[in-house]
Amino acid sequence: MNAPREKKMIDGSEYAPMAYPITLYPSEEGGYVAEIEDLPGCLSQGETAEEAAAALEECKAAWIESALASGIEIPPPRTDAEYSGRFVLRMPRSLHRRLAWRARQDGVSLNTEVATLLAAALESKDVRSEILVAMRAMVADV
C-alpha cells in the first residue's frame, strides 16, 4: 500500500500560476456547487455550473488573501501523480467469487472487471444527480 506523501506548502506569491482542480456537483437545493478541495472551505454556488465556477474564482482569491493575512500556508494543488492507480480492497469472499465469475464470463481480468464496474457506478451516480437537479428545476418552475 502506498503511504500518503507529505505536501510541500507554498507561499502566496507562488499560487497564481497554479491550477487548482475544481469539483462541480448539483446542489440539493438546486443549482450547482463548485469547490476547490485543496483549499478547505473554498466553495461557491450558482444557478448554473458556469456561474458556480465563475464565483469560485472570486472565492479562491479571497481564500488566498485571507490565508496570507492570517499567516496560513497555502497548499499546492493535488495532481494525478499523487495517485498510483493501486489500492488494497477487502471484501467478503462471496463478493470476490462473484466478481471473479463475472470477469471470466466477460473474458477480462478481475482487475479490469472491478475497474469497469467502479467507473460505471460512478457514472450512474453522476447521471442520477443530474436528473435530480433537472427534476427539481422543473418542479420549481411549476
C-alpha atoms as a PDB file:
ATOM      1  CA  MET A   1       0.000   0.000   0.000  1.00  0.00           C
ATOM      2  CA  ASN A   2       1.285   3.469  -0.790  1.00  0.00           C
ATOM      3  CA  ALA A   3       1.879   5.811   2.127  1.00  0.00           C
ATOM      4  CA  PRO A   4       0.452   9.317   1.737  1.00  0.00           C
ATOM      5  CA  ARG A   5       3.026  11.823   0.578  1.00  0.00           C
ATOM      6  CA  GLU A   6       3.718  14.875   2.668  1.00  0.00           C
ATOM      7  CA  LYS A   7       2.742  18.013   0.780  1.00  0.00           C
ATOM      8  CA  LYS A   8       5.172  20.865   0.364  1.00  0.00           C
ATOM      9  CA  MET A   9       3.487  24.115   1.327  1.00  0.00           C
ATOM     10  CA  ILE A  10       3.924  27.214  -0.817  1.00  0.00           C
ATOM     11  CA  ASP A  11       3.717  30.917  -0.093  1.00  0.00           C
ATOM     12  CA  GLY A  12       1.211  33.289  -1.683  1.00  0.00           C
ATOM     13  CA  SER A  13       3.454  34.546  -4.472  1.00  0.00           C
ATOM     14  CA  GLU A  14       3.629  31.067  -5.976  1.00  0.00           C
ATOM     15  CA  TYR A  15      -0.098  30.249  -6.098  1.00  0.00           C
ATOM     16  CA  ALA A  16      -1.189  32.427  -9.063  1.00  0.00           C
ATOM     17  CA  PRO A  17       0.067  30.230 -11.918  1.00  0.00           C
ATOM     18  CA  MET A  18      -1.174  27.042 -10.245  1.00  0.00           C
ATOM     19  CA  ALA A  19      -4.375  25.423 -11.469  1.00  0.00           C
ATOM     20  CA  TYR A  20      -6.393  24.004  -8.607  1.00  0.00           C
ATOM     21  CA  PRO A  21      -8.767  21.190  -9.586  1.00  0.00           C
ATOM     22  CA  ILE A  22     -12.407  22.232  -9.304  1.00  0.00           C
ATOM     23  CA  THR A  23     -15.168  19.870  -8.257  1.00  0.00           C
ATOM     24  CA  LEU A  24     -18.654  20.694  -9.567  1.00  0.00           C
ATOM     25  CA  TYR A  25     -21.749  18.927  -8.305  1.00  0.00           C
ATOM     26  CA  PRO A  26     -25.502  19.526  -8.198  1.00  0.00           C
ATOM     27  CA  SER A  27     -26.755  21.251  -5.054  1.00  0.00           C
ATOM     28  CA  GLU A  28     -29.588  19.604  -3.135  1.00  0.00           C
ATOM     29  CA  GLU A  29     -31.398  22.958  -3.152  1.00  0.00           C
ATOM     30  CA  GLY A  30     -30.995  23.349  -6.911  1.00  0.00           C
ATOM     31  CA  GLY A  31     -28.215  24.863  -8.967  1.00  0.00           C
ATOM     32  CA  TYR A  32     -24.602  23.829  -8.583  1.00  0.00           C
ATOM     33  CA  VAL A  33     -21.778  23.898  -6.068  1.00  0.00           C
ATOM     34  CA  ALA A  34     -18.162  24.475  -7.114  1.00  0.00           C
ATOM     35  CA  GLU A  35     -15.384  23.572  -4.707  1.00  0.00           C
ATOM     36  CA  ILE A  36     -11.601  23.589  -4.514  1.00  0.00           C
ATOM     37  CA  GLU A  37     -10.944  20.673  -2.181  1.00  0.00           C
ATOM     38  CA  ASP A  38      -7.280  21.639  -1.769  1.00  0.00           C
ATOM     39  CA  LEU A  39      -8.371  24.913  -0.122  1.00  0.00           C
ATOM     40  CA  PRO A  40     -10.635  23.840   2.779  1.00  0.00           C
ATOM     41  CA  GLY A  41     -13.894  25.779   2.817  1.00  0.00           C
ATOM     42  CA  CYS A  42     -13.333  27.328  -0.617  1.00  0.00           C
ATOM     43  CA  LEU A  43     -16.658  26.774  -2.344  1.00  0.00           C
ATOM     44  CA  SER A  44     -19.375  28.695  -4.131  1.00  0.00           C
ATOM     45  CA  GLN A  45     -22.836  28.174  -5.575  1.00  0.00           C
ATOM     46  CA  GLY A  46     -24.610  29.246  -8.744  1.00  0.00           C
ATOM     47  CA  GLU A  47     -27.745  28.576 -10.739  1.00  0.00           C
ATOM     48  CA  THR A  48     -25.603  27.029 -13.484  1.00  0.00           C
ATOM     49  CA  ALA A  49     -22.298  25.174 -13.396  1.00  0.00           C
ATOM     50  CA  GLU A  50     -20.704  28.134 -15.201  1.00  0.00           C
ATOM     51  CA  GLU A  51     -21.966  30.619 -12.592  1.00  0.00           C
ATOM     52  CA  ALA A  52     -20.727  28.442  -9.744  1.00  0.00           C
ATOM     53  CA  ALA A  53     -17.273  28.082 -11.366  1.00  0.00           C
ATOM     54  CA  ALA A  54     -17.015  31.841 -12.028  1.00  0.00           C
ATOM     55  CA  ALA A  55     -17.974  32.646  -8.426  1.00  0.00           C
ATOM     56  CA  LEU A  56     -15.364  30.154  -7.271  1.00  0.00           C
ATOM     57  CA  GLU A  57     -12.578  32.220  -8.840  1.00  0.00           C
ATOM     58  CA  GLU A  58     -13.538  35.168  -6.618  1.00  0.00           C
ATOM     59  CA  CYS A  59     -13.806  32.824  -3.644  1.00  0.00           C
ATOM     60  CA  LYS A  60     -10.328  31.406  -4.362  1.00  0.00           C
ATOM     61  CA  ALA A  61      -8.791  34.891  -4.460  1.00  0.00           C
ATOM     62  CA  ALA A  62     -10.488  35.795  -1.161  1.00  0.00           C
ATOM     63  CA  TRP A  63      -9.420  32.488   0.408  1.00  0.00           C
ATOM     64  CA  ILE A  64      -5.793  33.041  -0.532  1.00  0.00           C
ATOM     65  CA  GLU A  65      -5.858  36.695   0.565  1.00  0.00           C
ATOM     66  CA  SER A  66      -7.307  35.667   3.926  1.00  0.00           C
ATOM     67  CA  ALA A  67      -4.777  32.851   4.350  1.00  0.00           C
ATOM     68  CA  LEU A  68      -1.888  35.214   3.624  1.00  0.00           C
ATOM     69  CA  ALA A  69      -3.231  37.830   6.051  1.00  0.00           C
ATOM     70  CA  SER A  70      -3.535  35.137   8.737  1.00  0.00           C
ATOM     71  CA  GLY A  71      -0.099  33.675   8.060  1.00  0.00           C
ATOM     72  CA  ILE A  72      -1.580  30.382   6.892  1.00  0.00           C
ATOM     73  CA  GLU A  73       0.455  28.495   4.314  1.00  0.00           C
ATOM     74  CA  ILE A  74      -1.316  27.770   1.045  1.00  0.00           C
ATOM     75  CA  PRO A  75      -1.241  24.119  -0.067  1.00  0.00           C
ATOM     76  CA  PRO A  76      -0.286  23.359  -3.665  1.00  0.00           C
ATOM     77  CA  PRO A  77      -2.873  21.738  -5.938  1.00  0.00           C
ATOM     78  CA  ARG A  78      -3.101  17.964  -5.906  1.00  0.00           C
ATOM     79  CA  THR A  79      -2.112  16.167  -9.086  1.00  0.00           C
ATOM     80  CA  ASP A  80      -2.712  12.732 -10.561  1.00  0.00           C
ATOM     81  CA  ALA A  81       0.915  11.967  -9.730  1.00  0.00           C
ATOM     82  CA  GLU A  82      -0.214  11.533  -6.110  1.00  0.00           C
ATOM     83  CA  TYR A  83      -2.338   8.535  -7.096  1.00  0.00           C
ATOM     84  CA  SER A  84      -0.656   5.336  -8.155  1.00  0.00           C
ATOM     85  CA  GLY A  85      -3.802   3.756  -9.563  1.00  0.00           C
ATOM     86  CA  ARG A  86      -3.486   0.987  -6.993  1.00  0.00           C
ATOM     87  CA  PHE A  87      -5.100   0.368  -3.631  1.00  0.00           C
ATOM     88  CA  VAL A  88      -5.926  -2.595  -1.424  1.00  0.00           C
ATOM     89  CA  LEU A  89      -9.579  -3.524  -1.161  1.00  0.00           C
ATOM     90  CA  ARG A  90     -11.006  -6.012   1.322  1.00  0.00           C
ATOM     91  CA  MET A  91     -14.320  -7.678   0.526  1.00  0.00           C
ATOM     92  CA  PRO A  92     -16.336 -10.729   1.514  1.00  0.00           C
ATOM     93  CA  ARG A  93     -15.209 -13.968  -0.148  1.00  0.00           C
ATOM     94  CA  SER A  94     -18.633 -14.342  -1.719  1.00  0.00           C
ATOM     95  CA  LEU A  95     -18.276 -10.991  -3.492  1.00  0.00           C
ATOM     96  CA  HIS A  96     -14.751 -11.897  -4.619  1.00  0.00           C
ATOM     97  CA  ARG A  97     -16.104 -15.149  -6.058  1.00  0.00           C
ATOM     98  CA  ARG A  98     -18.963 -13.342  -7.884  1.00  0.00           C
ATOM     99  CA  LEU A  99     -16.587 -10.759  -9.337  1.00  0.00           C
ATOM    100  CA  ALA A 100     -14.143 -13.442 -10.491  1.00  0.00           C
ATOM    101  CA  TRP A 101     -17.006 -15.389 -12.118  1.00  0.00           C
ATOM    102  CA  ARG A 102     -18.240 -12.259 -13.901  1.00  0.00           C
ATOM    103  CA  ALA A 103     -14.719 -11.421 -15.108  1.00  0.00           C
ATOM    104  CA  ARG A 104     -14.397 -14.922 -16.584  1.00  0.00           C
ATOM    105  CA  GLN A 105     -17.802 -14.521 -18.273  1.00  0.00           C
ATOM    106  CA  ASP A 106     -16.706 -11.178 -19.752  1.00  0.00           C
ATOM    107  CA  GLY A 107     -13.317 -12.599 -20.782  1.00  0.00           C
ATOM    108  CA  VAL A 108     -11.316  -9.985 -18.842  1.00  0.00           C
ATOM    109  CA  SER A 109      -9.068  -9.906 -15.800  1.00  0.00           C
ATOM    110  CA  LEU A 110     -10.551  -9.447 -12.358  1.00  0.00           C
ATOM    111  CA  ASN A 111      -8.785  -6.079 -12.152  1.00  0.00           C
ATOM    112  CA  THR A 112     -10.377  -4.874 -15.420  1.00  0.00           C
ATOM    113  CA  GLU A 113     -13.803  -6.128 -14.332  1.00  0.00           C
ATOM    114  CA  VAL A 114     -13.671  -4.297 -10.991  1.00  0.00           C
ATOM    115  CA  ALA A 115     -12.311  -1.075 -12.547  1.00  0.00           C
ATOM    116  CA  THR A 116     -15.079  -1.154 -15.179  1.00  0.00           C
ATOM    117  CA  LEU A 117     -17.791  -1.740 -12.572  1.00  0.00           C
ATOM    118  CA  LEU A 118     -16.481   1.076 -10.376  1.00  0.00           C
ATOM    119  CA  ALA A 119     -16.357   3.507 -13.307  1.00  0.00           C
ATOM    120  CA  ALA A 120     -19.901   2.557 -14.342  1.00  0.00           C
ATOM    121  CA  ALA A 121     -21.182   3.015 -10.775  1.00  0.00           C
ATOM    122  CA  LEU A 122     -19.620   6.488 -10.549  1.00  0.00           C
ATOM    123  CA  GLU A 123     -21.071   7.492 -13.917  1.00  0.00           C
ATOM    124  CA  SER A 124     -24.502   6.214 -12.882  1.00  0.00           C
ATOM    125  CA  LYS A 125     -24.351   8.219  -9.660  1.00  0.00           C
ATOM    126  CA  ASP A 126     -23.404  11.378 -11.600  1.00  0.00           C
ATOM    127  CA  VAL A 127     -26.276  10.866 -14.041  1.00  0.00           C
ATOM    128  CA  ARG A 128     -28.753  10.326 -11.198  1.00  0.00           C
ATOM    129  CA  SER A 129     -27.585  13.572  -9.578  1.00  0.00           C
ATOM    130  CA  GLU A 130     -28.042  15.475 -12.845  1.00  0.00           C
ATOM    131  CA  ILE A 131     -31.538  14.029 -13.294  1.00  0.00           C
ATOM    132  CA  LEU A 132     -32.446  15.026  -9.732  1.00  0.00           C
ATOM    133  CA  VAL A 133     -31.293  18.615 -10.330  1.00  0.00           C
ATOM    134  CA  ALA A 134     -33.289  18.789 -13.580  1.00  0.00           C
ATOM    135  CA  MET A 135     -36.397  17.414 -11.883  1.00  0.00           C
ATOM    136  CA  ARG A 136     -36.115  19.933  -9.043  1.00  0.00           C
ATOM    137  CA  ALA A 137     -35.772  22.739 -11.573  1.00  0.00           C
ATOM    138  CA  MET A 138     -38.897  21.521 -13.387  1.00  0.00           C
ATOM    139  CA  VAL A 139     -40.869  21.358 -10.122  1.00  0.00           C
ATOM    140  CA  ALA A 140     -39.674  24.844  -9.168  1.00  0.00           C
ATOM    141  CA  ASP A 141     -40.959  26.196 -12.485  1.00  0.00           C
ATOM    142  CA  VAL A 142     -44.444  24.794 -11.866  1.00  0.00           C
END
